[in-house]
């Protein structure tokens, strides 16, 4: 294969994986803007050194490994100019045990195995297992709040409500339609919205969230969808937290705990 053909093939691979890297970067930084800076720097680094793809166990591991090296070398988001939720995210990040959040996101949201995370983070599997245990403990103990669930499937809604309440949060209501969601949010402003995309009346969970955010302001959102790349468009409301269907209980627990952790007041401390 010629050098040009090889470069083209690699470009296609990276293009397919980029939405997932952007999702990870957003969840890691709590900010769309900061996350995209890191993703862009990763792509720039790969343009100058493609050897990482020859050495890694998979292209996805290689891409995330390159990102992680940049993240570690800088030590914090590129530019601390964030406000609102992303500004709080930067404050909360400093409180977490080093590398715990990265390991948790790579495992629960991106679906990497422990061995793959060890390769990405350049450590051993025992360390990764330790980081995962610490991360869950720190996130879940941090804060509780009010959560609005937007989901038209009764069984799924009940399952999500059970997971959320077991974490110590209060579910303010479950909406099956766009209008119901807006009405519930108007009665009690939620601390977090957990929303499906396709609702019972054919309306969109994205539209429902947009309506709520217009009145309620900055609220973290977790979307559940079978096609996460369709939401990674660079436009509002592009979520920091995206759960792919079919989801696992661990994914929901992780995303909810992290979203609530970031949206909590700066006075909250980890016990």
Protein backbone atom coordinates (compact mmCIF):
# COMPACT_ATOMS: atom_id res chain seq x y z
CA UNK A 1 0.00 0.00 0.00
CA UNK A 2 1.36 3.41 -0.97
CA UNK A 3 2.09 6.08 1.61
CA UNK A 4 -0.77 8.26 0.32
CA UNK A 5 -3.23 5.35 0.46
CA UNK A 6 -2.10 4.45 3.96
CA UNK A 7 -2.52 8.05 5.10
CA UNK A 8 -6.02 8.18 3.59
CA UNK A 9 -7.03 4.94 5.29
CA UNK A 10 -5.76 6.19 8.65
CA UNK A 11 -7.64 9.46 8.19
CA UNK A 12 -10.88 7.52 7.68
CA UNK A 13 -10.26 5.49 10.82
CA UNK A 14 -9.62 8.61 12.90
CA UNK A 15 -12.72 10.30 11.44
CA UNK A 16 -14.87 7.37 12.58
CA UNK A 17 -13.41 7.44 16.09
CA UNK A 18 -13.38 11.23 16.54
CA UNK A 19 -16.99 11.56 17.84
CA UNK A 20 -16.15 9.20 20.70
CA UNK A 21 -12.93 11.04 21.54
CA UNK A 22 -14.89 14.30 21.63
CA UNK A 23 -17.49 12.72 23.91
CA UNK A 24 -14.74 11.57 26.28
CA UNK A 25 -13.03 14.98 26.21
CA UNK A 26 -16.27 16.76 27.08
CA UNK A 27 -17.08 14.44 29.94
CA UNK A 28 -13.52 14.72 31.24
CA UNK A 29 -13.36 18.52 31.22
CA UNK A 30 -17.06 19.25 31.78
CA UNK A 31 -16.80 21.73 28.91
CA UNK A 32 -17.48 21.51 25.19
CA UNK A 33 -14.96 24.23 24.48
CA UNK A 34 -12.13 22.78 26.56
CA UNK A 35 -12.84 19.25 25.38
CA UNK A 36 -12.56 20.22 21.74
CA UNK A 37 -9.24 21.96 22.39
CA UNK A 38 -7.81 18.70 23.66
CA UNK A 39 -9.27 16.70 20.78
CA UNK A 40 -7.78 19.18 18.29
CA UNK A 41 -4.35 18.98 19.92
CA UNK A 42 -4.50 15.20 19.76
CA UNK A 43 -5.17 15.29 16.02
CA UNK A 44 -2.32 17.74 15.52
CA UNK A 45 0.04 15.43 17.40
CA UNK A 46 -0.99 12.48 15.24
CA UNK A 47 -0.19 14.43 12.08
CA UNK A 48 3.44 14.62 13.13
CA UNK A 49 3.80 11.12 14.59
CA UNK A 50 1.78 8.19 13.27
CA UNK A 51 3.92 5.53 14.94
CA UNK A 52 1.48 5.26 17.85
CA UNK A 53 -0.98 3.49 15.56
CA UNK A 54 1.60 0.83 14.73
CA UNK A 55 2.42 0.15 18.38
CA UNK A 56 -1.02 0.10 20.04
CA UNK A 57 -3.36 -2.89 20.31
CA UNK A 58 -6.09 -1.06 18.36
CA UNK A 59 -6.65 2.24 16.57
CA UNK A 60 -9.09 3.40 19.26
CA UNK A 61 -6.61 2.63 22.03
CA UNK A 62 -3.94 4.50 20.06
CA UNK A 63 -6.11 7.59 19.64
CA UNK A 64 -7.15 7.73 23.28
CA UNK A 65 -3.59 7.01 24.37
CA UNK A 66 -2.36 10.02 22.41
CA UNK A 67 -5.08 12.13 24.01
CA UNK A 68 -4.19 10.93 27.49
CA UNK A 69 -0.51 11.81 27.07
CA UNK A 70 -1.45 15.35 26.07
CA UNK A 71 -3.91 15.61 28.96
CA UNK A 72 -1.29 14.48 31.47
CA UNK A 73 1.44 16.69 30.07
CA UNK A 74 -0.69 19.83 30.42
CA UNK A 75 -2.11 18.88 33.79
CA UNK A 76 -5.29 20.96 33.49
CA UNK A 77 -7.67 22.35 30.85
CA UNK A 78 -5.94 24.45 28.22
CA UNK A 79 -7.55 27.74 29.16
CA UNK A 80 -9.33 28.33 32.42
CA UNK A 81 -11.86 30.77 30.99
CA UNK A 82 -14.98 28.71 31.67
CA UNK A 83 -18.02 29.86 33.59
CA UNK A 84 -21.14 28.16 34.86
CA UNK A 85 -21.02 24.37 34.95
CA UNK A 86 -17.69 24.12 33.17
CA UNK A 87 -16.15 26.57 35.61
CA UNK A 88 -17.34 24.45 38.52
CA UNK A 89 -15.95 21.41 36.72
CA UNK A 90 -12.45 22.81 36.90
CA UNK A 91 -12.82 23.39 40.63
CA UNK A 92 -14.14 19.90 41.27
CA UNK A 93 -11.50 18.20 39.14
CA UNK A 94 -8.80 19.33 41.53
CA UNK A 95 -10.54 17.49 44.37
CA UNK A 96 -10.47 14.05 42.78
CA UNK A 97 -7.75 11.49 43.26
CA UNK A 98 -5.38 11.70 40.28
CA UNK A 99 -6.42 9.60 37.26
CA UNK A 100 -9.63 8.24 38.83
CA UNK A 101 -12.02 10.20 36.64
CA UNK A 102 -10.12 9.29 33.48
CA UNK A 103 -10.21 5.59 34.31
CA UNK A 104 -13.90 5.67 35.17
CA UNK A 105 -14.91 7.45 31.96
CA UNK A 106 -12.79 5.20 29.78
CA UNK A 107 -14.37 2.13 31.34
CA UNK A 108 -18.03 3.02 31.82
CA UNK A 109 -18.71 5.52 29.04
CA UNK A 110 -16.24 4.51 26.32
CA UNK A 111 -16.35 0.78 27.06
CA UNK A 112 -12.63 0.07 27.25
CA UNK A 113 -11.52 -3.05 29.13
CA UNK A 114 -9.24 -2.78 32.15
CA UNK A 115 -6.31 -4.00 30.05
CA UNK A 116 -7.01 -1.39 27.36
CA UNK A 117 -7.24 1.40 29.94
CA UNK A 118 -3.93 0.26 31.41
CA UNK A 119 -2.42 0.58 27.92
CA UNK A 120 -3.97 4.00 27.34
CA UNK A 121 -2.87 5.34 30.73
CA UNK A 122 0.48 3.52 30.60
CA UNK A 123 0.12 1.67 33.90
CA UNK A 124 -0.84 -1.83 35.08
CA UNK A 125 -4.25 -3.46 35.48
CA UNK A 126 -4.12 -3.58 39.28
CA UNK A 127 -3.72 0.19 39.36
CA UNK A 128 -6.68 0.65 37.01
CA UNK A 129 -8.92 -1.56 39.15
CA UNK A 130 -7.92 0.51 42.19
CA UNK A 131 -8.63 3.78 40.37
CA UNK A 132 -12.09 2.56 39.31
CA UNK A 133 -13.05 1.68 42.89
CA UNK A 134 -11.85 5.02 44.23
CA UNK A 135 -13.58 6.98 41.46
CA UNK A 136 -16.99 5.47 42.12
CA UNK A 137 -16.69 6.07 45.86
CA UNK A 138 -15.66 9.71 45.44
CA UNK A 139 -18.34 10.54 42.88
CA UNK A 140 -21.24 8.85 44.64
CA UNK A 141 -20.43 10.36 48.03
CA UNK A 142 -20.14 13.91 46.72
CA UNK A 143 -23.66 15.31 46.45
CA UNK A 144 -27.34 14.52 45.94
CA UNK A 145 -29.92 16.47 43.98
CA UNK A 146 -33.17 16.59 42.00
CA UNK A 147 -33.29 14.73 38.68
CA UNK A 148 -35.85 14.93 35.88
CA UNK A 149 -36.18 11.80 33.73
CA UNK A 150 -37.48 12.15 30.18
CA UNK A 151 -38.22 8.64 28.89
CA UNK A 152 -41.26 7.20 27.12
CA UNK A 153 -40.57 3.50 27.80
CA UNK A 154 -42.13 2.70 31.19
CA UNK A 155 -39.78 -0.18 32.03
CA UNK A 156 -36.68 1.83 31.16
CA UNK A 157 -37.96 4.85 33.08
CA UNK A 158 -38.60 2.70 36.15
CA UNK A 159 -35.11 1.19 35.89
CA UNK A 160 -33.46 4.59 35.60
CA UNK A 161 -35.51 5.93 38.51
CA UNK A 162 -34.39 2.99 40.65
CA UNK A 163 -30.72 3.55 39.81
CA UNK A 164 -30.96 7.27 40.51
CA UNK A 165 -32.76 6.92 43.84
CA UNK A 166 -30.32 4.24 45.01
CA UNK A 167 -27.58 6.82 44.49
CA UNK A 168 -29.38 9.11 46.93
CA UNK A 169 -30.99 11.47 44.41
CA UNK A 170 -34.62 12.58 44.17
CA UNK A 171 -36.55 12.06 40.93
CA UNK A 172 -38.80 15.09 40.45
CA UNK A 173 -40.81 13.35 37.74
CA UNK A 174 -40.84 11.17 34.65
CA UNK A 175 -42.00 12.71 31.37
CA UNK A 176 -43.04 10.74 28.28
CA UNK A 177 -43.55 13.76 26.02
CA UNK A 178 -41.90 17.10 25.30
CA UNK A 179 -44.76 19.15 26.80
CA UNK A 180 -44.81 17.02 29.95
CA UNK A 181 -41.07 17.49 30.42
CA UNK A 182 -41.29 21.27 30.15
CA UNK A 183 -44.22 21.35 32.57
CA UNK A 184 -42.42 19.22 35.17
CA UNK A 185 -39.26 21.33 34.92
CA UNK A 186 -41.36 24.46 35.40
CA UNK A 187 -42.83 23.11 38.62
CA UNK A 188 -39.46 22.22 40.11
CA UNK A 189 -36.13 23.13 38.57
CA UNK A 190 -34.03 19.94 38.33
CA UNK A 191 -30.35 19.70 39.19
CA UNK A 192 -29.90 17.28 36.29
CA UNK A 193 -31.88 16.10 33.25
CA UNK A 194 -31.61 12.53 32.01
CA UNK A 195 -33.30 12.31 28.61
CA UNK A 196 -34.05 9.85 25.85
CA UNK A 197 -34.05 11.17 22.27
CA UNK A 198 -37.24 9.77 20.72
CA UNK A 199 -40.35 10.39 22.84
CA UNK A 200 -43.84 8.87 22.89
CA UNK A 201 -45.61 11.48 20.75
CA UNK A 202 -42.86 11.55 18.14
CA UNK A 203 -41.29 14.64 19.69
CA UNK A 204 -37.60 14.95 20.45
CA UNK A 205 -35.91 14.82 23.82
CA UNK A 206 -33.41 17.30 22.42
CA UNK A 207 -36.21 19.81 21.77
CA UNK A 208 -37.60 19.21 25.25
CA UNK A 209 -34.20 19.90 26.79
CA UNK A 210 -33.76 23.03 24.69
CA UNK A 211 -37.13 24.33 25.89
CA UNK A 212 -36.22 23.68 29.52
CA UNK A 213 -32.77 25.26 29.27
CA UNK A 214 -34.25 28.45 27.80
CA UNK A 215 -36.09 29.11 31.05
CA UNK A 216 -34.07 27.20 33.65
CA UNK A 217 -30.58 28.15 32.55
CA UNK A 218 -27.46 26.04 32.91
CA UNK A 219 -28.43 22.47 33.87
CA UNK A 220 -26.32 19.39 33.12
CA UNK A 221 -27.89 16.93 30.69
CA UNK A 222 -27.35 13.24 30.07
CA UNK A 223 -28.73 11.95 26.78
CA UNK A 224 -29.41 8.29 26.06
CA UNK A 225 -29.19 7.33 22.41
CA UNK A 226 -28.28 4.51 20.06
CA UNK A 227 -26.43 6.99 17.85
CA UNK A 228 -24.18 9.20 20.03
CA UNK A 229 -22.27 10.59 17.06
CA UNK A 230 -25.46 12.36 15.91
CA UNK A 231 -25.36 14.58 18.98
CA UNK A 232 -21.68 15.47 18.69
CA UNK A 233 -22.27 18.29 16.24
CA UNK A 234 -20.71 21.24 18.05
CA UNK A 235 -24.13 22.82 18.58
CA UNK A 236 -26.21 23.27 21.74
CA UNK A 237 -27.22 21.27 23.59
CA UNK A 238 -24.18 19.09 22.90
CA UNK A 239 -23.95 17.10 26.12
CA UNK A 240 -20.88 16.34 28.13
CA UNK A 241 -22.53 13.05 29.08
CA UNK A 242 -23.83 10.64 26.46
CA UNK A 243 -24.93 7.08 27.21
CA UNK A 244 -25.20 4.71 24.28
CA UNK A 245 -28.03 2.22 23.99
CA UNK A 246 -28.18 -0.48 25.14
CA UNK A 247 -26.87 1.01 28.37
CA UNK A 248 -25.68 -0.68 31.53
CA UNK A 249 -26.52 0.21 35.12
CA UNK A 250 -22.86 1.02 35.69
CA UNK A 251 -22.92 3.56 32.86
CA UNK A 252 -25.95 5.34 34.29
CA UNK A 253 -24.49 5.39 37.81
CA UNK A 254 -21.21 6.76 36.52
CA UNK A 255 -22.72 9.46 34.31
CA UNK A 256 -25.24 10.62 36.93
CA UNK A 257 -22.65 10.73 39.70
CA UNK A 258 -20.21 12.72 37.59
CA UNK A 259 -22.80 15.15 36.25
CA UNK A 260 -24.12 15.82 39.74
CA UNK A 261 -20.59 16.14 41.06
CA UNK A 262 -19.78 18.85 38.53
CA UNK A 263 -23.04 20.76 38.88
CA UNK A 264 -22.93 20.91 42.67
CA UNK A 265 -21.96 24.08 44.55
CA UNK A 266 -18.30 24.78 45.16
CA UNK A 267 -18.87 24.39 48.89
CA UNK A 268 -19.47 20.65 48.51
CA UNK A 269 -16.53 18.55 49.63
CA UNK A 270 -15.79 14.86 49.37
CA UNK A 271 -16.13 12.99 52.64
